[in-house]
Amino acid sequence: MTIRYFKFLIACAAVVLGGCGGGIGGSTTLHIGVSYPQTAINLYSAATVTPIFTGFEGHTPNCALISGAVPSGMTLNSNCSISGTPKETGDFNFGIKIGADGVSNTINSSSTISVHGPSLAYPVHAAGQPGSHIGDAVNDSPYFQASQGYQGWKTPPGASWSYQMYAGALPPGFTLDQTTGIIAGVVTTQGLYNATIRATLNSAYGTYTVPISFSVNVGANVLSYSNAGATGNTIGYLNAYVSQPFVATPTENGPGSLTSFSLTGAALPAGLNLDPISGVISGTPTTTGPYKSSLGDNIPVAATVTSGGISSPTTGYFEVYVVNPIKVSYPINILGKVGSAMTVNPVIEQVSPIPVVGATFVYTARAPGATGCSLPPGMTLNSATGIVTGTPGSTGFFDCTVDIKITNNAISWVSPTQIYLIIN
């Protein structure tokens, strides 16, 4: 009988076993396979790794170690299984000689068994998460972390862990319990803190050491403003509108309370004020434009945040763009004919989501000049209605700049616009 092996990197060999199959002098060829599972086994956990056999056709396989080594604490049995309690981690390569009862020849094969130790971790405290704000209380225990290729790991009976600082530093006021591995404390100081804890398992099978990373990113509570005045929003700015009430309320991204607000380095738009107790910015803007500090497109606001009985300074930024609530314009490139009466009406568009009621308008044409007003002879501007009427007396292109004084809620501002007339 001949054994041939075609799987799992095992060399092929063939010899003849006389007297079996097909009568005297006949022979039979066995195409056998012996494969060990690729799933890793766990350190210090009793295990039996049994290979999968194919092609033996009722013959009992037997194995012997010929090279390399199985994990310390384990044994290759004659039935080809590997059993015991692994005492070390790693990938173990070994060679075996495979035979079978009633078969005169053997073949050689090689395989690998992997032993994994436990992987431990602490909860993550990235910026903005619990444990990353001043005043937060932290009480973290190390936990076993799943790792690819092996199942959950459990501490063997009678074994115990110990923990020691190895590198880096814990946040000020934090302590490490060397028996339980618990890291506890109250966050008091801003900064990024990284520490490596060395965890050591002492068992009847040996000692195993694994590093654990602990990290806390403590930042200042971020102060920001949200528009509570229902006055709209644009990219990068809160929108406020001249002559209409505006309210922006402070918020922060962590636990605690905000107090003692003040402006640093910039002034608020005219008509708006900061309440130093609540931090609310409110009022009625009187002028348009983006309002910026010397540092950029925002107005710094300082405050004190208190959490867990600890107070610390923080700075937020107020961004606002004040625009007019009403837009007045004229149709573009109005066409007319000499000698034909025409009327041009202004278009009044409400920009603000808050209704504008009772606003008044005064239209004033600028004096003739480079940026003044040029209307066709025979046409005039009504200063109360903004309507341009008359009968053009000559052909040409006419450009007129009109300053519109708008008054709403007892606040006035001037908004320029233009009239373009083409008379044929």
Protein backbone atom coordinates (compact mmCIF):
# COMPACT_ATOMS: atom_id res chain seq x y z
CA MET A 1 0.00 0.00 0.00
CA THR A 2 1.30 3.47 -0.90
CA ILE A 3 0.69 6.72 1.01
CA ARG A 4 0.57 9.98 -0.91
CA TYR A 5 0.00 13.32 0.83
CA PHE A 6 -1.08 16.40 -1.11
CA LYS A 7 -2.16 19.00 1.44
CA PHE A 8 -0.82 21.58 3.88
CA LEU A 9 2.80 21.74 2.73
CA ILE A 10 3.46 18.10 3.47
CA ALA A 11 6.00 16.45 1.15
CA CYS A 12 4.74 13.69 -1.16
CA ALA A 13 6.11 10.18 -0.83
CA ALA A 14 5.08 6.76 -2.13
CA VAL A 15 6.09 3.23 -1.18
CA VAL A 16 4.29 -0.04 -1.70
CA LEU A 17 2.80 -2.12 1.07
CA GLY A 18 2.70 -5.71 -0.21
CA GLY A 19 -0.12 -8.13 0.43
CA CYS A 20 -2.90 -5.53 0.67
CA GLY A 21 -5.62 -4.86 -1.81
CA GLY A 22 -5.85 -6.57 -5.18
CA GLY A 23 -4.52 -9.99 -3.97
CA ILE A 24 -1.05 -11.41 -3.43
CA GLY A 25 1.61 -9.09 -4.71
CA GLY A 26 -0.95 -6.31 -5.21
CA SER A 27 -0.84 -2.81 -3.71
CA THR A 28 -3.15 0.08 -2.89
CA THR A 29 -2.34 3.79 -2.91
CA LEU A 30 -3.69 6.00 -0.07
CA HIS A 31 -4.04 9.71 -0.75
CA ILE A 32 -3.97 11.02 2.81
CA GLY A 33 -4.32 14.45 4.39
CA VAL A 34 -3.40 15.62 7.90
CA SER A 35 -4.16 19.25 8.72
CA TYR A 36 -4.07 21.15 11.99
CA PRO A 37 -6.63 23.93 12.68
CA GLN A 38 -5.24 27.42 12.14
CA THR A 39 -7.09 28.98 15.11
CA ALA A 40 -4.70 30.15 17.80
CA ILE A 41 -4.90 28.70 21.30
CA ASN A 42 -4.74 30.67 24.53
CA LEU A 43 -1.79 30.91 26.88
CA TYR A 44 -2.15 29.03 30.20
CA SER A 45 -5.41 27.42 29.03
CA ALA A 46 -5.54 23.62 28.73
CA ALA A 47 -6.19 22.63 25.14
CA THR A 48 -6.15 19.69 22.77
CA VAL A 49 -5.48 20.35 19.10
CA THR A 50 -6.78 17.49 16.99
CA PRO A 51 -5.89 17.38 13.30
CA ILE A 52 -8.29 16.56 10.52
CA PHE A 53 -7.50 13.23 8.77
CA THR A 54 -8.49 12.34 5.25
CA GLY A 55 -7.78 9.36 3.02
CA PHE A 56 -6.66 6.83 5.66
CA GLU A 57 -9.48 4.43 4.71
CA GLY A 58 -9.80 2.88 8.17
CA HIS A 59 -6.08 2.77 8.97
CA THR A 60 -5.15 4.39 12.29
CA PRO A 61 -2.69 7.26 11.85
CA ASN A 62 0.32 7.76 14.09
CA CYS A 63 2.76 10.65 14.39
CA ALA A 64 6.19 11.40 15.84
CA LEU A 65 7.99 14.75 16.23
CA ILE A 66 11.07 14.96 14.01
CA SER A 67 11.96 18.68 14.04
CA GLY A 68 11.11 21.98 15.68
CA ALA A 69 8.97 22.07 18.79
CA VAL A 70 5.38 22.31 19.91
CA PRO A 71 4.61 24.95 22.59
CA SER A 72 6.23 24.43 25.97
CA GLY A 73 3.80 22.58 28.22
CA MET A 74 2.25 20.65 25.33
CA THR A 75 2.99 17.24 23.85
CA LEU A 76 2.59 15.70 20.40
CA ASN A 77 0.75 12.44 21.02
CA SER A 78 1.12 9.27 18.95
CA ASN A 79 -2.40 9.78 17.57
CA CYS A 80 -1.15 13.12 16.10
CA SER A 81 -3.09 15.31 18.54
CA ILE A 82 -1.26 17.98 20.55
CA SER A 83 -2.41 18.48 24.13
CA GLY A 84 -1.42 20.22 27.32
CA THR A 85 -1.31 23.76 28.76
CA PRO A 86 0.84 26.15 26.69
CA LYS A 87 3.30 28.12 28.80
CA GLU A 88 4.63 30.55 26.21
CA THR A 89 3.30 32.66 23.38
CA GLY A 90 4.36 32.73 19.76
CA ASP A 91 4.20 30.75 16.53
CA PHE A 92 5.67 27.25 16.87
CA ASN A 93 6.82 25.45 13.73
CA PHE A 94 7.35 21.70 13.90
CA GLY A 95 7.85 18.72 11.64
CA ILE A 96 6.23 15.31 12.10
CA LYS A 97 6.57 11.85 10.64
CA ILE A 98 3.18 10.39 9.71
CA GLY A 99 2.46 6.70 9.45
CA ALA A 100 -0.51 4.37 9.76
CA ASP A 101 -1.13 0.87 11.09
CA GLY A 102 -0.74 -1.81 8.44
CA VAL A 103 1.33 0.58 6.27
CA SER A 104 5.07 0.06 5.94
CA ASN A 105 6.13 3.53 4.83
CA THR A 106 5.83 7.04 6.35
CA ILE A 107 5.82 10.62 5.09
CA ASN A 108 7.05 13.86 6.64
CA SER A 109 4.99 16.98 7.16
CA SER A 110 5.33 20.42 8.76
CA SER A 111 2.81 22.67 10.50
CA THR A 112 2.45 25.62 12.89
CA ILE A 113 0.59 26.21 16.14
CA SER A 114 0.07 29.76 17.44
CA VAL A 115 -0.33 30.63 21.11
CA HIS A 116 -1.73 34.03 22.04
CA GLY A 117 -1.55 35.75 25.38
CA PRO A 118 -4.18 38.20 26.61
CA SER A 119 -4.30 41.75 25.27
CA LEU A 120 -5.45 44.40 27.76
CA ALA A 121 -6.71 47.93 27.22
CA TYR A 122 -8.11 50.94 29.05
CA PRO A 123 -11.12 53.03 27.91
CA VAL A 124 -10.29 55.81 25.46
CA HIS A 125 -10.52 59.44 26.60
CA ALA A 126 -10.14 61.39 23.37
CA ALA A 127 -10.90 65.10 23.14
CA GLY A 128 -14.56 65.82 23.77
CA GLN A 129 -15.30 62.41 25.31
CA PRO A 130 -16.03 61.66 28.98
CA GLY A 131 -12.88 61.95 31.05
CA SER A 132 -11.37 64.64 28.84
CA HIS A 133 -12.87 67.67 30.57
CA ILE A 134 -11.63 69.43 33.68
CA GLY A 135 -13.69 68.23 36.62
CA ASP A 136 -14.40 64.79 35.13
CA ALA A 137 -13.93 61.84 37.47
CA VAL A 138 -12.10 58.86 35.95
CA ASN A 139 -12.18 55.30 37.32
CA ASP A 140 -10.85 52.97 34.62
CA SER A 141 -10.26 49.25 34.93
CA PRO A 142 -8.16 47.30 32.42
CA TYR A 143 -10.16 44.84 30.34
CA PHE A 144 -9.32 41.92 28.11
CA GLN A 145 -9.33 42.93 24.47
CA ALA A 146 -10.38 40.58 21.69
CA SER A 147 -7.60 39.87 19.24
CA GLN A 148 -7.83 38.43 15.76
CA GLY A 149 -7.35 34.68 15.64
CA TYR A 150 -8.23 33.65 19.18
CA GLN A 151 -11.17 33.66 21.51
CA GLY A 152 -11.71 35.48 24.80
CA TRP A 153 -9.06 34.89 27.42
CA LYS A 154 -9.66 34.20 31.12
CA THR A 155 -7.28 34.35 34.04
CA PRO A 156 -6.36 30.77 35.14
CA PRO A 157 -7.50 29.67 38.62
CA GLY A 158 -5.06 30.76 41.31
CA ALA A 159 -3.27 33.27 39.07
CA SER A 160 -3.02 36.98 39.89
CA TRP A 161 -2.19 40.22 38.10
CA SER A 162 0.02 43.10 39.22
CA TYR A 163 0.44 46.51 37.57
CA GLN A 164 3.29 49.00 37.48
CA MET A 165 4.03 52.28 35.70
CA TYR A 166 6.46 51.65 32.88
CA ALA A 167 6.69 54.83 30.81
CA GLY A 168 5.04 58.22 30.39
CA ALA A 169 2.92 59.90 33.02
CA LEU A 170 -0.61 59.94 34.34
CA PRO A 171 -2.52 63.23 34.63
CA PRO A 172 -1.84 65.16 37.87
CA GLY A 173 -3.84 63.68 40.74
CA PHE A 174 -4.35 60.28 39.08
CA THR A 175 -3.25 57.07 40.78
CA LEU A 176 -2.62 53.49 39.65
CA ASP A 177 -3.78 50.63 41.88
CA GLN A 178 -1.00 48.07 41.50
CA THR A 179 -3.30 45.17 42.42
CA THR A 180 -6.38 45.89 40.34
CA GLY A 181 -4.85 48.07 37.64
CA ILE A 182 -7.56 50.70 38.22
CA ILE A 183 -6.53 54.23 37.23
CA ALA A 184 -8.57 56.83 39.10
CA GLY A 185 -8.61 60.56 39.69
CA VAL A 186 -10.27 63.86 38.88
CA VAL A 187 -9.15 65.81 35.81
CA THR A 188 -7.59 69.08 36.96
CA THR A 189 -5.13 70.17 34.30
CA GLN A 190 -5.24 70.62 30.55
CA GLY A 191 -2.85 68.64 28.38
CA LEU A 192 -2.24 65.36 26.58
CA TYR A 193 -1.14 62.57 28.92
CA ASN A 194 0.16 59.18 27.76
CA ALA A 195 1.29 56.39 30.02
CA THR A 196 2.30 52.76 29.54
CA ILE A 197 1.34 50.33 32.30
CA ARG A 198 3.13 47.00 32.60
CA ALA A 199 0.70 44.23 33.59
CA THR A 200 2.23 40.99 34.91
CA LEU A 201 0.37 37.72 35.33
CA ASN A 202 1.79 35.31 37.88
CA SER A 203 0.49 31.74 37.54
CA ALA A 204 1.45 28.17 38.29
CA TYR A 205 2.47 27.87 34.64
CA GLY A 206 4.80 30.87 34.54
CA THR A 207 4.87 34.66 34.29
CA TYR A 208 3.46 36.71 31.43
CA THR A 209 3.92 40.46 30.93
CA VAL A 210 1.95 42.71 28.59
CA PRO A 211 1.98 46.53 28.14
CA ILE A 212 -1.24 48.57 28.36
CA SER A 213 -1.60 52.09 26.97
CA PHE A 214 -3.50 54.76 28.86
CA SER A 215 -4.22 58.14 27.26
CA VAL A 216 -6.16 61.24 28.28
CA ASN A 217 -6.49 64.32 26.10
CA VAL A 218 -7.68 67.10 28.40
CA GLY A 219 -8.73 70.25 26.62
CA ALA A 220 -10.47 73.42 27.65
CA ASN A 221 -14.23 73.27 27.44
CA VAL A 222 -15.03 74.88 24.13
CA LEU A 223 -17.30 77.90 24.36
CA SER A 224 -19.48 78.64 21.35
CA TYR A 225 -22.58 80.65 20.47
CA SER A 226 -25.85 79.66 18.89
CA ASN A 227 -28.36 82.07 17.41
CA ALA A 228 -31.55 81.97 19.46
CA GLY A 229 -33.14 84.93 17.69
CA ALA A 230 -34.55 83.02 14.69
CA THR A 231 -32.66 85.39 12.40
CA GLY A 232 -31.14 82.85 10.07
CA ASN A 233 -27.65 81.54 9.47
CA THR A 234 -24.93 81.69 6.83
CA ILE A 235 -21.76 79.66 6.44
CA GLY A 236 -19.27 80.63 9.12
CA TYR A 237 -21.41 83.33 10.70
CA LEU A 238 -24.52 83.90 12.71
CA ASN A 239 -26.79 86.29 10.85
CA ALA A 240 -28.08 89.43 12.50
CA TYR A 241 -30.17 92.14 10.86
CA VAL A 242 -30.07 95.90 11.25
CA SER A 243 -33.06 97.23 13.24
CA GLN A 244 -34.21 93.77 14.37
CA PRO A 245 -33.72 92.09 17.74
CA PHE A 246 -30.91 89.54 18.01
CA VAL A 247 -30.02 86.99 20.73
CA ALA A 248 -27.04 84.58 20.82
CA THR A 249 -26.66 82.20 23.74
CA PRO A 250 -23.38 80.60 24.92
CA THR A 251 -22.93 76.83 25.09
CA GLU A 252 -19.98 74.58 25.89
CA ASN A 253 -19.09 71.05 24.89
CA GLY A 254 -18.64 69.46 28.30
CA PRO A 255 -20.07 69.24 31.78
CA GLY A 256 -20.08 72.24 34.07
CA SER A 257 -21.33 75.79 34.12
CA LEU A 258 -20.09 79.00 32.51
CA THR A 259 -19.70 82.32 34.36
CA SER A 260 -17.76 85.61 34.26
CA PHE A 261 -17.93 86.49 30.57
CA SER A 262 -15.85 89.25 29.02
CA LEU A 263 -14.69 90.42 25.61
CA THR A 264 -11.02 90.09 24.72
CA GLY A 265 -9.50 91.92 21.81
CA ALA A 266 -12.55 93.06 19.86
CA ALA A 267 -15.82 94.96 20.15
CA LEU A 268 -19.30 93.74 19.37
CA PRO A 269 -21.30 95.21 16.51
CA ALA A 270 -22.97 98.52 17.35
CA GLY A 271 -26.22 97.89 19.17
CA LEU A 272 -25.19 94.50 20.66
CA ASN A 273 -24.05 93.93 24.24
CA LEU A 274 -22.56 91.07 26.27
CA ASP A 275 -24.13 90.13 29.60
CA PRO A 276 -21.10 89.38 31.83
CA ILE A 277 -23.11 87.00 34.02
CA SER A 278 -25.06 84.89 31.51
CA GLY A 279 -22.83 85.44 28.49
CA VAL A 280 -25.86 86.20 26.32
CA ILE A 281 -25.16 88.59 23.45
CA SER A 282 -28.27 90.56 22.56
CA GLY A 283 -29.58 93.83 21.25
CA THR A 284 -30.56 95.49 17.99
CA PRO A 285 -27.73 95.96 15.45
CA THR A 286 -27.48 99.41 13.89
CA THR A 287 -24.80 98.91 11.22
CA THR A 288 -24.00 96.22 8.66
CA GLY A 289 -20.84 94.25 8.02
CA PRO A 290 -18.79 91.28 9.23
CA TYR A 291 -17.32 91.89 12.66
CA LYS A 292 -13.84 90.60 13.25
CA SER A 293 -11.13 90.76 15.85
CA SER A 294 -7.48 91.47 15.13
CA LEU A 295 -6.97 87.69 15.16
CA GLY A 296 -9.41 86.78 12.43
CA ASP A 297 -13.06 86.36 11.52
CA ASN A 298 -14.38 86.15 15.06
CA ILE A 299 -14.70 87.96 18.36
CA PRO A 300 -13.02 86.23 21.34
CA VAL A 301 -15.16 85.86 24.45
CA ALA A 302 -13.50 84.75 27.70
CA ALA A 303 -15.36 82.90 30.44
CA THR A 304 -14.84 80.68 33.47
CA VAL A 305 -16.04 77.09 33.35
CA THR A 306 -16.67 75.22 36.61
CA SER A 307 -17.05 71.46 36.72
CA GLY A 308 -16.61 69.03 39.57
CA GLY A 309 -15.79 71.94 41.86
CA ILE A 310 -12.84 73.00 39.70
CA SER A 311 -12.84 76.33 37.87
CA SER A 312 -10.69 77.09 34.85
CA PRO A 313 -10.60 79.73 32.11
CA THR A 314 -11.86 79.11 28.62
CA THR A 315 -12.25 81.16 25.47
CA GLY A 316 -14.90 80.95 22.79
CA TYR A 317 -15.57 82.87 19.61
CA PHE A 318 -18.57 84.86 18.50
CA GLU A 319 -19.01 85.18 14.75
CA VAL A 320 -21.67 87.44 13.30
CA TYR A 321 -22.54 89.05 9.98
CA VAL A 322 -24.96 91.96 10.23
CA VAL A 323 -26.99 92.56 7.08
CA ASN A 324 -29.95 94.71 6.12
CA PRO A 325 -33.36 93.08 6.56
CA ILE A 326 -34.65 94.65 3.34
CA LYS A 327 -33.13 94.74 -0.13
CA VAL A 328 -34.24 97.37 -2.65
CA SER A 329 -33.32 97.08 -6.33
CA TYR A 330 -34.50 97.96 -9.82
CA PRO A 331 -34.93 95.64 -12.83
CA ILE A 332 -31.73 95.15 -14.85
CA ASN A 333 -31.22 96.86 -18.25
CA ILE A 334 -34.63 98.41 -18.64
CA LEU A 335 -35.50 99.10 -22.30
CA GLY A 336 -37.39 102.18 -23.47
CA LYS A 337 -38.09 104.28 -26.60
CA VAL A 338 -37.72 107.96 -27.23
CA GLY A 339 -41.12 109.58 -27.04
CA SER A 340 -42.82 106.62 -25.29
CA ALA A 341 -43.87 107.14 -21.69
CA MET A 342 -42.49 104.58 -19.23
CA THR A 343 -42.60 103.72 -15.53
CA VAL A 344 -39.89 101.91 -13.54
CA ASN A 345 -40.84 100.60 -10.07
CA PRO A 346 -38.37 99.61 -7.33
CA VAL A 347 -38.46 95.99 -6.08
CA ILE A 348 -38.53 95.62 -2.31
CA GLU A 349 -37.39 92.20 -1.04
CA GLN A 350 -37.46 91.10 2.58
CA VAL A 351 -34.21 89.31 3.49
CA SER A 352 -34.80 88.70 7.18
CA PRO A 353 -37.04 85.82 8.34
CA ILE A 354 -38.50 88.23 10.91
CA PRO A 355 -41.31 90.22 9.27
CA VAL A 356 -40.53 93.86 8.58
CA VAL A 357 -43.64 95.96 9.26
CA GLY A 358 -43.97 99.72 8.88
CA ALA A 359 -40.59 100.47 7.34
CA THR A 360 -40.30 103.82 5.51
CA PHE A 361 -38.19 104.72 2.48
CA VAL A 362 -36.72 107.96 1.11
CA TYR A 363 -35.13 107.82 -2.36
CA THR A 364 -32.43 110.36 -3.29
CA ALA A 365 -30.70 110.42 -6.68
CA ARG A 366 -27.02 111.27 -6.49
CA ALA A 367 -25.75 114.34 -8.26
CA PRO A 368 -24.49 113.75 -11.82
CA GLY A 369 -20.90 112.52 -12.02
CA ALA A 370 -18.79 109.39 -12.19
CA THR A 371 -20.88 107.65 -9.49
CA GLY A 372 -23.90 109.94 -9.66
CA CYS A 373 -27.22 109.82 -11.46
CA SER A 374 -27.88 110.13 -15.17
CA LEU A 375 -31.54 109.83 -16.19
CA PRO A 376 -32.92 110.39 -19.68
CA PRO A 377 -34.27 113.89 -20.29
CA GLY A 378 -37.96 113.93 -19.45
CA MET A 379 -37.76 111.32 -16.65
CA THR A 380 -37.75 111.92 -12.87
CA LEU A 381 -37.37 109.97 -9.62
CA ASN A 382 -40.11 110.18 -6.97
CA SER A 383 -38.30 110.52 -3.65
CA ALA A 384 -41.18 109.02 -1.66
CA THR A 385 -41.96 105.98 -3.80
CA GLY A 386 -38.74 105.43 -5.74
CA ILE A 387 -40.72 105.23 -8.98
CA VAL A 388 -39.02 106.61 -12.09
CA THR A 389 -41.53 107.98 -14.63
CA GLY A 390 -41.65 110.17 -17.72
CA THR A 391 -41.11 110.18 -21.46
CA PRO A 392 -37.47 109.76 -22.57
CA GLY A 393 -36.30 112.62 -24.75
CA SER A 394 -33.09 111.11 -26.13
CA THR A 395 -31.46 107.76 -26.86
CA GLY A 396 -28.52 106.25 -24.97
CA PHE A 397 -27.43 104.25 -21.96
CA PHE A 398 -28.28 105.84 -18.61
CA ASP A 399 -26.94 104.85 -15.19
CA CYS A 400 -28.37 106.36 -12.02
CA THR A 401 -27.19 105.69 -8.44
CA VAL A 402 -29.97 106.08 -5.88
CA ASP A 403 -29.37 106.26 -2.11
CA ILE A 404 -32.31 104.82 -0.19
CA LYS A 405 -32.75 105.82 3.43
CA ILE A 406 -34.64 103.03 5.15
CA THR A 407 -36.09 103.46 8.64
CA ASN A 408 -37.32 100.49 10.69
CA ASN A 409 -37.92 100.31 14.44
CA ALA A 410 -36.58 103.87 14.73
CA ILE A 411 -33.23 102.83 13.23
CA SER A 412 -32.20 104.27 9.85
CA TRP A 413 -29.58 103.26 7.35
CA VAL A 414 -28.75 104.10 3.75
CA SER A 415 -28.67 101.41 1.08
CA PRO A 416 -27.45 102.41 -2.42
CA THR A 417 -28.78 100.80 -5.59
CA GLN A 418 -28.67 101.56 -9.32
CA ILE A 419 -30.99 102.05 -12.25
CA TYR A 420 -29.83 101.05 -15.75
CA LEU A 421 -31.89 102.40 -18.69
CA ILE A 422 -31.35 101.70 -22.39
CA ILE A 423 -33.33 104.10 -24.57
CA ASN A 424 -33.59 103.44 -28.30
